PDB file of N, CA and C in Angstrom:
ATOM      1  N   MET A   1     194.229  39.233  58.685  1.00  0.00           N
ATOM      2  CA  MET A   1     193.236  40.364  58.739  1.00  0.00           C
ATOM      3  C   MET A   1     194.009  41.488  59.772  1.00  0.00           C
ATOM      4  N   ARG A   2     193.898  42.617  59.296  1.00  0.00           N
ATOM      5  CA  ARG A   2     194.448  43.847  60.221  1.00  0.00           C
ATOM      6  C   ARG A   2     193.192  44.943  60.087  1.00  0.00           C
ATOM      7  N   ASN A   3     192.887  45.132  61.457  1.00  0.00           N
ATOM      8  CA  ASN A   3     191.683  46.223  61.448  1.00  0.00           C
ATOM      9  C   ASN A   3     191.913  46.877  62.818  1.00  0.00           C
ATOM     10  N   PRO A   4     191.521  47.945  62.959  1.00  0.00           N
ATOM     11  CA  PRO A   4     191.813  48.870  64.125  1.00  0.00           C
ATOM     12  C   PRO A   4     191.481  47.820  65.473  1.00  0.00           C
ATOM     13  N   PHE A   5     190.376  47.025  65.401  1.00  0.00           N
ATOM     14  CA  PHE A   5     190.153  46.362  66.419  1.00  0.00           C
ATOM     15  C   PHE A   5     191.168  45.410  66.989  1.00  0.00           C
ATOM     16  N   TYR A   6     191.750  44.643  66.059  1.00  0.00           N
ATOM     17  CA  TYR A   6     192.852  43.471  65.822  1.00  0.00           C
ATOM     18  C   TYR A   6     194.366  44.464  66.509  1.00  0.00           C
ATOM     19  N   ILE A   7     194.395  45.551  65.805  1.00  0.00           N
ATOM     20  CA  ILE A   7     195.772  46.167  66.109  1.00  0.00           C
ATOM     21  C   ILE A   7     195.692  46.544  67.487  1.00  0.00           C
ATOM     22  N   GLY A   8     194.340  47.096  68.116  1.00  0.00           N
ATOM     23  CA  GLY A   8     194.619  47.376  69.603  1.00  0.00           C
ATOM     24  C   GLY A   8     194.710  46.225  70.405  1.00  0.00           C
ATOM     25  N   LEU A   9     194.040  44.931  70.077  1.00  0.00           N
ATOM     26  CA  LEU A   9     194.205  43.801  70.686  1.00  0.00           C
ATOM     27  C   LEU A   9     195.765  43.402  70.806  1.00  0.00           C
ATOM     28  N   VAL A  10     196.205  43.353  69.595  1.00  0.00           N
ATOM     29  CA  VAL A  10     197.671  42.915  69.822  1.00  0.00           C
ATOM     30  C   VAL A  10     198.565  43.787  70.339  1.00  0.00           C
ATOM     31  N   THR A  11     198.155  45.232  70.518  1.00  0.00           N
ATOM     32  CA  THR A  11     198.917  46.281  70.997  1.00  0.00           C
ATOM     33  C   THR A  11     198.875  46.143  72.726  1.00  0.00           C
ATOM     34  N   PHE A  12     197.719  46.051  72.996  1.00  0.00           N
ATOM     35  CA  PHE A  12     197.249  46.164  74.544  1.00  0.00           C
ATOM     36  C   PHE A  12     197.350  44.843  75.104  1.00  0.00           C
ATOM     37  N   GLU A  13     196.998  43.583  74.414  1.00  0.00           N
ATOM     38  CA  GLU A  13     196.589  42.254  74.886  1.00  0.00           C
ATOM     39  C   GLU A  13     195.761  42.315  76.088  1.00  0.00           C
ATOM     40  N   GLU A  14     196.448  41.624  77.080  1.00  0.00           N
ATOM     41  CA  GLU A  14     195.190  41.678  78.418  1.00  0.00           C
ATOM     42  C   GLU A  14     194.612  42.990  78.873  1.00  0.00           C
ATOM     43  N   ASP A  15     195.216  43.935  78.419  1.00  0.00           N
ATOM     44  CA  ASP A  15     194.749  45.291  79.007  1.00  0.00           C
ATOM     45  C   ASP A  15     193.794  45.727  77.746  1.00  0.00           C
ATOM     46  N   PHE A  16     193.511  45.195  76.743  1.00  0.00           N
ATOM     47  CA  PHE A  16     192.768  45.741  75.706  1.00  0.00           C
ATOM     48  C   PHE A  16     191.233  45.600  76.482  1.00  0.00           C
ATOM     49  N   LEU A  17     190.306  46.570  76.094  1.00  0.00           N
ATOM     50  CA  LEU A  17     189.059  46.640  76.489  1.00  0.00           C
ATOM     51  C   LEU A  17     188.030  46.323  75.297  1.00  0.00           C
ATOM     52  N   GLY A  18     187.173  45.545  75.428  1.00  0.00           N
ATOM     53  CA  GLY A  18     186.285  45.320  74.498  1.00  0.00           C
ATOM     54  C   GLY A  18     186.324  43.767  73.995  1.00  0.00           C
ATOM     55  N   LEU A  19     187.211  42.989  74.227  1.00  0.00           N
ATOM     56  CA  LEU A  19     187.341  41.451  73.626  1.00  0.00           C
ATOM     57  C   LEU A  19     186.097  40.718  73.948  1.00  0.00           C
ATOM     58  N   SER A  20     185.650  40.936  75.352  1.00  0.00           N
ATOM     59  CA  SER A  20     184.714  39.987  75.666  1.00  0.00           C
ATOM     60  C   SER A  20     183.467  40.352  74.878  1.00  0.00           C
ATOM     61  N   ASP A  21     182.776  41.536  74.768  1.00  0.00           N
ATOM     62  CA  ASP A  21     181.674  42.053  73.827  1.00  0.00           C
ATOM     63  C   ASP A  21     182.077  41.655  72.504  1.00  0.00           C
ATOM     64  N   TYR A  22     183.319  41.766  71.829  1.00  0.00           N
ATOM     65  CA  TYR A  22     183.384  41.260  70.466  1.00  0.00           C
ATOM     66  C   TYR A  22     183.086  39.802  70.272  1.00  0.00           C
ATOM     67  N   ILE A  23     183.707  38.886  71.359  1.00  0.00           N
ATOM     68  CA  ILE A  23     183.634  37.718  71.101  1.00  0.00           C
ATOM     69  C   ILE A  23     182.124  37.275  71.352  1.00  0.00           C
ATOM     70  N   GLU A  24     181.561  37.928  72.461  1.00  0.00           N
ATOM     71  CA  GLU A  24     180.070  37.616  72.589  1.00  0.00           C
ATOM     72  C   GLU A  24     179.155  37.725  71.469  1.00  0.00           C
ATOM     73  N   LYS A  25     179.260  38.793  70.621  1.00  0.00           N
ATOM     74  CA  LYS A  25     178.696  39.151  69.445  1.00  0.00           C
ATOM     75  C   LYS A  25     178.690  37.870  68.454  1.00  0.00           C
ATOM     76  N   PHE A  26     179.843  37.263  68.521  1.00  0.00           N
ATOM     77  CA  PHE A  26     179.701  35.881  67.677  1.00  0.00           C
ATOM     78  C   PHE A  26     179.190  34.515  68.474  1.00  0.00           C
ATOM     79  N   ILE A  27     179.262  34.779  69.736  1.00  0.00           N
ATOM     80  CA  ILE A  27     178.719  33.528  70.603  1.00  0.00           C
ATOM     81  C   ILE A  27     177.249  33.543  70.411  1.00  0.00           C
ATOM     82  N   SER A  28     176.766  34.814  70.631  1.00  0.00           N
ATOM     83  CA  SER A  28     175.083  35.101  70.782  1.00  0.00           C
ATOM     84  C   SER A  28     174.527  34.508  69.373  1.00  0.00           C
ATOM     85  N   THR A  29     175.121  34.316  68.331  1.00  0.00           N
ATOM     86  CA  THR A  29     174.586  34.090  67.103  1.00  0.00           C
ATOM     87  C   THR A  29     174.768  32.249  66.874  1.00  0.00           C
ATOM     88  N   ILE A  30     175.349  31.592  67.855  1.00  0.00           N
ATOM     89  CA  ILE A  30     175.304  30.169  67.594  1.00  0.00           C
ATOM     90  C   ILE A  30     173.942  29.913  67.833  1.00  0.00           C
ATOM     91  N   ARG A  31     173.670  28.862  66.779  1.00  0.00           N
ATOM     92  CA  ARG A  31     172.522  27.972  66.684  1.00  0.00           C
ATOM     93  C   ARG A  31     172.215  26.743  67.182  1.00  0.00           C
ATOM     94  N   THR A  32     173.443  26.196  67.139  1.00  0.00           N
ATOM     95  CA  THR A  32     173.382  24.622  67.597  1.00  0.00           C
ATOM     96  C   THR A  32     174.388  24.290  68.302  1.00  0.00           C
ATOM     97  N   GLU A  33     174.232  23.134  68.991  1.00  0.00           N
ATOM     98  CA  GLU A  33     175.251  22.675  70.089  1.00  0.00           C
ATOM     99  C   GLU A  33     176.409  22.323  69.194  1.00  0.00           C
ATOM    100  N   GLU A  34     176.198  21.885  67.953  1.00  0.00           N
ATOM    101  CA  GLU A  34     177.423  21.187  67.308  1.00  0.00           C
ATOM    102  C   GLU A  34     178.283  22.507  66.963  1.00  0.00           C
ATOM    103  N   GLN A  35     177.668  23.845  66.711  1.00  0.00           N
ATOM    104  CA  GLN A  35     178.499  24.892  66.498  1.00  0.00           C
ATOM    105  C   GLN A  35     179.244  25.325  67.697  1.00  0.00           C
ATOM    106  N   LYS A  36     178.672  25.299  68.891  1.00  0.00           N
ATOM    107  CA  LYS A  36     179.290  25.510  70.180  1.00  0.00           C
ATOM    108  C   LYS A  36     180.408  24.616  70.173  1.00  0.00           C
ATOM    109  N   LYS A  37     180.225  23.178  70.224  1.00  0.00           N
ATOM    110  CA  LYS A  37     181.483  22.397  70.144  1.00  0.00           C
ATOM    111  C   LYS A  37     182.469  22.590  69.420  1.00  0.00           C
ATOM    112  N   ILE A  38     182.288  22.743  68.121  1.00  0.00           N
ATOM    113  CA  ILE A  38     183.223  23.249  67.017  1.00  0.00           C
ATOM    114  C   ILE A  38     184.337  24.205  67.629  1.00  0.00           C
ATOM    115  N   LEU A  39     183.502  25.385  67.955  1.00  0.00           N
ATOM    116  CA  LEU A  39     184.357  26.424  68.458  1.00  0.00           C
ATOM    117  C   LEU A  39     185.314  26.071  69.833  1.00  0.00           C
ATOM    118  N   ILE A  40     184.754  25.293  70.586  1.00  0.00           N
ATOM    119  CA  ILE A  40     185.243  24.910  71.922  1.00  0.00           C
ATOM    120  C   ILE A  40     186.549  24.184  71.692  1.00  0.00           C
ATOM    121  N   TYR A  41     186.298  23.271  70.825  1.00  0.00           N
ATOM    122  CA  TYR A  41     187.475  22.069  69.993  1.00  0.00           C
ATOM    123  C   TYR A  41     188.424  23.082  69.573  1.00  0.00           C
ATOM    124  N   ILE A  42     188.221  23.780  68.804  1.00  0.00           N
ATOM    125  CA  ILE A  42     189.303  24.450  68.057  1.00  0.00           C
ATOM    126  C   ILE A  42     190.010  25.498  69.122  1.00  0.00           C
ATOM    127  N   ALA A  43     189.073  26.183  69.907  1.00  0.00           N
ATOM    128  CA  ALA A  43     189.863  27.070  70.975  1.00  0.00           C
ATOM    129  C   ALA A  43     190.609  26.191  72.163  1.00  0.00           C
ATOM    130  N   LEU A  44     190.105  24.972  72.540  1.00  0.00           N
ATOM    131  CA  LEU A  44     190.827  24.329  73.587  1.00  0.00           C
ATOM    132  C   LEU A  44     192.465  23.760  72.824  1.00  0.00           C
ATOM    133  N   CYS A  45     192.250  23.241  71.564  1.00  0.00           N
ATOM    134  CA  CYS A  45     193.585  22.700  70.794  1.00  0.00           C
ATOM    135  C   CYS A  45     194.184  24.060  70.678  1.00  0.00           C
ATOM    136  N   TYR A  46     193.940  24.950  70.421  1.00  0.00           N
ATOM    137  CA  TYR A  46     194.869  26.372  70.103  1.00  0.00           C
ATOM    138  C   TYR A  46     195.580  26.794  71.568  1.00  0.00           C
ATOM    139  N   HIS A  47     194.586  26.854  72.460  1.00  0.00           N
ATOM    140  CA  HIS A  47     195.157  27.296  73.853  1.00  0.00           C
ATOM    141  C   HIS A  47     196.049  26.367  74.320  1.00  0.00           C
ATOM    142  N   PHE A  48     195.685  25.089  74.324  1.00  0.00           N
ATOM    143  CA  PHE A  48     196.689  24.329  75.064  1.00  0.00           C
ATOM    144  C   PHE A  48     197.924  23.704  74.339  1.00  0.00           C
ATOM    145  N   GLU A  49     197.755  23.843  72.976  1.00  0.00           N
ATOM    146  CA  GLU A  49     198.695  22.960  72.319  1.00  0.00           C
ATOM    147  C   GLU A  49     199.366  23.826  71.091  1.00  0.00           C
ATOM    148  N   GLN A  50     198.631  25.291  70.912  1.00  0.00           N
ATOM    149  CA  GLN A  50     198.920  26.141  70.020  1.00  0.00           C
ATOM    150  C   GLN A  50     199.096  25.313  68.492  1.00  0.00           C
ATOM    151  N   LYS A  51     198.112  24.533  68.401  1.00  0.00           N
ATOM    152  CA  LYS A  51     197.588  23.867  67.184  1.00  0.00           C
ATOM    153  C   LYS A  51     196.341  24.149  66.571  1.00  0.00           C
ATOM    154  N   SER A  52     196.369  23.884  65.097  1.00  0.00           N
ATOM    155  CA  SER A  52     195.165  23.958  64.357  1.00  0.00           C
ATOM    156  C   SER A  52     194.298  22.729  64.302  1.00  0.00           C
ATOM    157  N   LEU A  53     192.958  22.766  64.030  1.00  0.00           N
ATOM    158  CA  LEU A  53     192.385  21.497  63.940  1.00  0.00           C
ATOM    159  C   LEU A  53     191.728  21.300  62.539  1.00  0.00           C
ATOM    160  N   PRO A  54     191.795  20.378  61.754  1.00  0.00           N
ATOM    161  CA  PRO A  54     191.204  20.017  60.514  1.00  0.00           C
ATOM    162  C   PRO A  54     189.911  20.182  60.278  1.00  0.00           C
ATOM    163  N   ALA A  55     189.036  20.800  59.407  1.00  0.00           N
ATOM    164  CA  ALA A  55     187.587  21.141  59.424  1.00  0.00           C
ATOM    165  C   ALA A  55     187.138  19.540  59.333  1.00  0.00           C
ATOM    166  N   ASN A  56     187.661  18.358  58.534  1.00  0.00           N
ATOM    167  CA  ASN A  56     187.138  17.208  58.641  1.00  0.00           C
ATOM    168  C   ASN A  56     187.107  16.481  59.929  1.00  0.00           C
ATOM    169  N   LEU A  57     187.740  17.042  60.906  1.00  0.00           N
ATOM    170  CA  LEU A  57     187.609  16.575  62.323  1.00  0.00           C
ATOM    171  C   LEU A  57     186.135  16.450  62.740  1.00  0.00           C
ATOM    172  N   PHE A  58     185.550  17.341  62.209  1.00  0.00           N
ATOM    173  CA  PHE A  58     183.903  17.704  62.604  1.00  0.00           C
ATOM    174  C   PHE A  58     183.038  17.037  61.724  1.00  0.00           C
ATOM    175  N   ALA A  59     183.315  16.212  60.905  1.00  0.00           N
ATOM    176  CA  ALA A  59     182.514  15.384  60.014  1.00  0.00           C
ATOM    177  C   ALA A  59     181.356  14.676  60.880  1.00  0.00           C
ATOM    178  N   ILE A  60     181.620  14.121  61.582  1.00  0.00           N
ATOM    179  CA  ILE A  60     180.857  13.230  62.648  1.00  0.00           C
ATOM    180  C   ILE A  60     179.778  14.392  63.303  1.00  0.00           C
ATOM    181  N   LEU A  61     180.261  15.320  63.961  1.00  0.00           N
ATOM    182  CA  LEU A  61     179.449  16.378  64.423  1.00  0.00           C
ATOM    183  C   LEU A  61     178.423  17.024  63.518  1.00  0.00           C
ATOM    184  N   LEU A  62     178.823  17.270  62.308  1.00  0.00           N
ATOM    185  CA  LEU A  62     178.014  17.712  61.205  1.00  0.00           C
ATOM    186  C   LEU A  62     176.918  16.681  60.676  1.00  0.00           C
ATOM    187  N   ASN A  63     177.555  15.709  60.521  1.00  0.00           N
ATOM    188  CA  ASN A  63     176.659  14.428  60.159  1.00  0.00           C
ATOM    189  C   ASN A  63     175.509  14.454  61.541  1.00  0.00           C
ATOM    190  N   LYS A  64     175.792  14.512  62.549  1.00  0.00           N
ATOM    191  CA  LYS A  64     174.713  14.334  63.771  1.00  0.00           C
ATOM    192  C   LYS A  64     173.796  15.346  63.717  1.00  0.00           C
ATOM    193  N   ALA A  65     174.102  16.601  63.184  1.00  0.00           N
ATOM    194  CA  ALA A  65     173.523  17.936  63.347  1.00  0.00           C
ATOM    195  C   ALA A  65     172.335  17.811  61.950  1.00  0.00           C
ATOM    196  N   GLY A  66     172.617  16.656  60.919  1.00  0.00           N
ATOM    197  CA  GLY A  66     171.895  16.561  59.680  1.00  0.00           C
ATOM    198  C   GLY A  66     171.927  17.931  58.894  1.00  0.00           C
ATOM    199  N   THR A  67     173.199  18.345  58.943  1.00  0.00           N
ATOM    200  CA  THR A  67     173.369  19.501  57.894  1.00  0.00           C
ATOM    201  C   THR A  67     173.832  19.030  56.714  1.00  0.00           C
ATOM    202  N   ASP A  68     174.667  17.731  56.941  1.00  0.00           N
ATOM    203  CA  ASP A  68     175.647  17.339  55.615  1.00  0.00           C
ATOM    204  C   ASP A  68     175.776  15.746  56.075  1.00  0.00           C
ATOM    205  N   LYS A  69     175.691  15.386  54.649  1.00  0.00           N
ATOM    206  CA  LYS A  69     176.187  14.010  54.809  1.00  0.00           C
ATOM    207  C   LYS A  69     177.731  13.768  54.394  1.00  0.00           C
ATOM    208  N   VAL A  70     178.692  13.906  55.185  1.00  0.00           N
ATOM    209  CA  VAL A  70     179.846  13.912  54.912  1.00  0.00           C
ATOM    210  C   VAL A  70     180.784  13.078  55.339  1.00  0.00           C
ATOM    211  N   SER A  71     182.069  12.510  54.876  1.00  0.00           N
ATOM    212  CA  SER A  71     182.896  11.463  55.580  1.00  0.00           C
ATOM    213  C   SER A  71     184.216  12.383  56.077  1.00  0.00           C
ATOM    214  N   GLU A  72     184.879  11.781  56.873  1.00  0.00           N
ATOM    215  CA  GLU A  72     186.094  12.515  57.229  1.00  0.00           C
ATOM    216  C   GLU A  72     187.168  13.135  55.918  1.00  0.00           C
ATOM    217  N   TRP A  73     186.765  12.333  54.829  1.00  0.00           N
ATOM    218  CA  TRP A  73     187.674  12.677  53.638  1.00  0.00           C
ATOM    219  C   TRP A  73     187.187  13.564  52.897  1.00  0.00           C
ATOM    220  N   ASP A  74     185.860  13.950  52.932  1.00  0.00           N
ATOM    221  CA  ASP A  74     185.430  14.929  52.169  1.00  0.00           C
ATOM    222  C   ASP A  74     185.776  16.215  52.327  1.00  0.00           C
ATOM    223  N   LYS A  75     185.752  17.387  51.763  1.00  0.00           N
ATOM    224  CA  LYS A  75     186.191  18.465  51.826  1.00  0.00           C
ATOM    225  C   LYS A  75     184.897  19.261  52.731  1.00  0.00           C
ATOM    226  N   ILE A  76     185.353  19.734  53.937  1.00  0.00           N
ATOM    227  CA  ILE A  76     184.276  20.516  54.559  1.00  0.00           C
ATOM    228  C   ILE A  76     184.539  22.078  54.678  1.00  0.00           C
ATOM    229  N   ASP A  77     183.500  22.591  54.541  1.00  0.00           N
ATOM    230  CA  ASP A  77     183.681  24.222  54.480  1.00  0.00           C
ATOM    231  C   ASP A  77     182.809  24.485  55.846  1.00  0.00           C
ATOM    232  N   LEU A  78     183.701  25.031  56.874  1.00  0.00           N
ATOM    233  CA  LEU A  78     183.087  25.349  58.014  1.00  0.00           C
ATOM    234  C   LEU A  78     182.282  26.660  58.259  1.00  0.00           C
ATOM    235  N   LYS A  79     182.781  27.157  57.075  1.00  0.00           N
ATOM    236  CA  LYS A  79     182.070  28.685  56.907  1.00  0.00           C
ATOM    237  C   LYS A  79     180.355  28.572  56.805  1.00  0.00           C
ATOM    238  N   LYS A  80     180.139  27.548  55.849  1.00  0.00           N
ATOM    239  CA  LYS A  80     178.718  27.299  55.495  1.00  0.00           C
ATOM    240  C   LYS A  80     178.033  26.875  56.752  1.00  0.00           C
ATOM    241  N   HIS A  81     178.654  26.454  57.867  1.00  0.00           N
ATOM    242  CA  HIS A  81     177.753  25.885  58.873  1.00  0.00           C
ATOM    243  C   HIS A  81     177.701  26.693  60.265  1.00  0.00           C
ATOM    244  N   PHE A  82     178.050  28.059  59.786  1.00  0.00           N
ATOM    245  CA  PHE A  82     178.024  29.226  60.654  1.00  0.00           C
ATOM    246  C   PHE A  82     177.082  30.481  60.288  1.00  0.00           C
ATOM    247  N   ASN A  83     176.621  31.032  61.072  1.00  0.00           N
ATOM    248  CA  ASN A  83     175.630  32.336  60.450  1.00  0.00           C
ATOM    249  C   ASN A  83     176.434  33.739  60.536  1.00  0.00           C
ATOM    250  N   PHE A  84     177.814  33.666  60.878  1.00  0.00           N
ATOM    251  CA  PHE A  84     178.388  34.829  60.721  1.00  0.00           C
ATOM    252  C   PHE A  84     179.631  34.314  59.954  1.00  0.00           C
ATOM    253  N   ASN A  85     180.514  35.480  59.827  1.00  0.00           N
ATOM    254  CA  ASN A  85     181.707  35.342  59.238  1.00  0.00           C
ATOM    255  C   ASN A  85     182.628  34.914  59.698  1.00  0.00           C
ATOM    256  N   LEU A  86     182.996  33.486  59.987  1.00  0.00           N
ATOM    257  CA  LEU A  86     183.740  32.608  60.568  1.00  0.00           C
ATOM    258  C   LEU A  86     185.157  33.220  60.719  1.00  0.00           C
ATOM    259  N   GLU A  87     185.638  33.763  59.638  1.00  0.00           N
ATOM    260  CA  GLU A  87     187.089  34.172  59.432  1.00  0.00           C
ATOM    261  C   GLU A  87     187.251  35.560  60.243  1.00  0.00           C
ATOM    262  N   LEU A  88     186.351  36.250  60.716  1.00  0.00           N
ATOM    263  CA  LEU A  88     186.570  37.494  61.495  1.00  0.00           C
ATOM    264  C   LEU A  88     187.120  36.618  63.076  1.00  0.00           C
ATOM    265  N   LEU A  89     186.652  35.525  63.562  1.00  0.00           N
ATOM    266  CA  LEU A  89     186.977  34.921  64.633  1.00  0.00           C
ATOM    267  C   LEU A  89     188.353  33.863  64.329  1.00  0.00           C
ATOM    268  N   LEU A  90     188.332  33.198  63.329  1.00  0.00           N
ATOM    269  CA  LEU A  90     189.195  32.330  63.152  1.00  0.00           C
ATOM    270  C   LEU A  90     190.025  32.338  61.939  1.00  0.00           C
ATOM    271  N   ILE A  91     191.256  31.817  61.960  1.00  0.00           N
ATOM    272  CA  ILE A  91     192.175  31.710  60.700  1.00  0.00           C
ATOM    273  C   ILE A  91     192.123  30.385  59.887  1.00  0.00           C
ATOM    274  N   LYS A  92     191.863  30.391  58.501  1.00  0.00           N
ATOM    275  CA  LYS A  92     191.658  29.261  57.944  1.00  0.00           C
ATOM    276  C   LYS A  92     192.897  28.983  56.911  1.00  0.00           C
ATOM    277  N   GLU A  93     193.612  27.835  57.102  1.00  0.00           N
ATOM    278  CA  GLU A  93     194.617  27.640  56.181  1.00  0.00           C
ATOM    279  C   GLU A  93     194.560  26.158  55.649  1.00  0.00           C
ATOM    280  N   LYS A  94     195.062  26.146  54.372  1.00  0.00           N
ATOM    281  CA  LYS A  94     194.942  24.865  53.977  1.00  0.00           C
ATOM    282  C   LYS A  94     196.434  24.259  54.003  1.00  0.00           C
ATOM    283  N   TYR A  95     196.259  23.061  54.472  1.00  0.00           N
ATOM    284  CA  TYR A  95     197.405  22.129  54.554  1.00  0.00           C
ATOM    285  C   TYR A  95     197.198  20.774  53.938  1.00  0.00           C
ATOM    286  N   GLY A  96     197.907  20.613  52.687  1.00  0.00           N
ATOM    287  CA  GLY A  96     197.437  19.438  51.862  1.00  0.00           C
ATOM    288  C   GLY A  96     196.040  19.682  51.334  1.00  0.00           C
ATOM    289  N   LYS A  97     195.342  18.661  51.685  1.00  0.00           N
ATOM    290  CA  LYS A  97     193.991  18.162  51.202  1.00  0.00           C
ATOM    291  C   LYS A  97     192.779  18.901  52.183  1.00  0.00           C
ATOM    292  N   PHE A  98     193.539  19.254  53.402  1.00  0.00           N
ATOM    293  CA  PHE A  98     192.447  19.664  54.061  1.00  0.00           C
ATOM    294  C   PHE A  98     192.745  21.133  54.642  1.00  0.00           C
ATOM    295  N   THR A  99     191.656  21.477  55.125  1.00  0.00           N
ATOM    296  CA  THR A  99     191.509  23.012  55.786  1.00  0.00           C
ATOM    297  C   THR A  99     191.608  23.057  57.379  1.00  0.00           C
ATOM    298  N   HIS A 100     192.585  23.871  57.791  1.00  0.00           N
ATOM    299  CA  HIS A 100     192.847  23.647  59.321  1.00  0.00           C
ATOM    300  C   HIS A 100     192.520  25.116  59.701  1.00  0.00           C
ATOM    301  N   TRP A 101     191.749  25.168  60.977  1.00  0.00           N
ATOM    302  CA  TRP A 101     191.228  26.369  61.608  1.00  0.00           C
ATOM    303  C   TRP A 101     191.923  26.537  63.131  1.00  0.00           C
ATOM    304  N   TRP A 102     191.974  27.742  63.481  1.00  0.00           N
ATOM    305  CA  TRP A 102     192.615  28.186  64.626  1.00  0.00           C
ATOM    306  C   TRP A 102     192.188  29.776  64.747  1.00  0.00           C
ATOM    307  N   PRO A 103     192.092  30.082  66.175  1.00  0.00           N
ATOM    308  CA  PRO A 103     191.614  31.481  66.500  1.00  0.00           C
ATOM    309  C   PRO A 103     192.749  32.595  66.067  1.00  0.00           C
ATOM    310  N   ARG A 104     192.086  33.712  65.752  1.00  0.00           N
ATOM    311  CA  ARG A 104     193.018  34.724  65.125  1.00  0.00           C
ATOM    312  C   ARG A 104     193.806  35.286  66.157  1.00  0.00           C
ATOM    313  N   HIS A 105     193.557  35.080  67.496  1.00  0.00           N
ATOM    314  CA  HIS A 105     194.729  35.597  68.810  1.00  0.00           C
ATOM    315  C   HIS A 105     194.493  34.489  69.846  1.00  0.00           C
ATOM    316  N   TYR A 106     195.354  34.357  70.717  1.00  0.00           N
ATOM    317  CA  TYR A 106     195.162  33.465  71.951  1.00  0.00           C
ATOM    318  C   TYR A 106     194.253  34.014  72.772  1.00  0.00           C
ATOM    319  N   LEU A 107     193.900  35.402  72.693  1.00  0.00           N
ATOM    320  CA  LEU A 107     192.948  35.645  73.821  1.00  0.00           C
ATOM    321  C   LEU A 107     191.526  35.403  73.164  1.00  0.00           C
ATOM    322  N   TYR A 108     191.229  35.213  71.821  1.00  0.00           N
ATOM    323  CA  TYR A 108     190.204  34.580  71.428  1.00  0.00           C
ATOM    324  C   TYR A 108     190.042  33.587  71.980  1.00  0.00           C
ATOM    325  N   ALA A 109     190.851  32.586  71.823  1.00  0.00           N
ATOM    326  CA  ALA A 109     190.674  31.229  72.310  1.00  0.00           C
ATOM    327  C   ALA A 109     190.285  31.117  73.736  1.00  0.00           C
ATOM    328  N   GLU A 110     190.911  32.121  74.740  1.00  0.00           N
ATOM    329  CA  GLU A 110     190.839  31.962  76.235  1.00  0.00           C
ATOM    330  C   GLU A 110     189.258  32.586  76.397  1.00  0.00           C
ATOM    331  N   GLU A 111     188.883  33.430  75.654  1.00  0.00           N
ATOM    332  CA  GLU A 111     187.419  34.148  75.794  1.00  0.00           C
ATOM    333  C   GLU A 111     186.378  33.240  75.428  1.00  0.00           C
ATOM    334  N   LEU A 112     186.716  32.553  74.048  1.00  0.00           N
ATOM    335  CA  LEU A 112     185.680  31.209  73.729  1.00  0.00           C
ATOM    336  C   LEU A 112     185.518  30.212  74.943  1.00  0.00           C
ATOM    337  N   LEU A 113     186.725  29.791  75.533  1.00  0.00           N
ATOM    338  CA  LEU A 113     186.511  29.038  76.706  1.00  0.00           C
ATOM    339  C   LEU A 113     185.787  29.201  77.894  1.00  0.00           C
ATOM    340  N   ARG A 114     185.641  30.706  78.124  1.00  0.00           N
ATOM    341  CA  ARG A 114     184.740  31.048  79.199  1.00  0.00           C
ATOM    342  C   ARG A 114     183.363  30.799  79.359  1.00  0.00           C
TER     343      ARG A 114
END
C-alpha cells in the first residue's frame, strides 16, 4: 500500500510527525481485550523477531471472545474481527494454507507497543 502518509513515513522514519495520531486512530476503535492482545502479539513478534504470525494462532482468543467457534486448523479471517480496515495497519500474506499478518512498518509495531 503506497499512500502519501506511508511514503512520508518511509522517507523520514523516526523524524516523521503524525505516526502516533495515525496509530491512535486505530487503537481508539478497539472494542475487546482480545483485539488488543492480537495487535500486541503481532507487534511483539515483528518488533523483536521480524516475523509474521498466522491468524490461526489466535483461534483460542477468538473462541474465548465468543465471536467464532474455530479450531487452529480452520481458516481465520482476522479482518472480520476488527471494526476498521486491518490492512491499513498490517500486511496480510498467505503462506501455504494459513494467512500471516505483520505490521506495515517497524515503527507501526513500536507505536502499537507503547
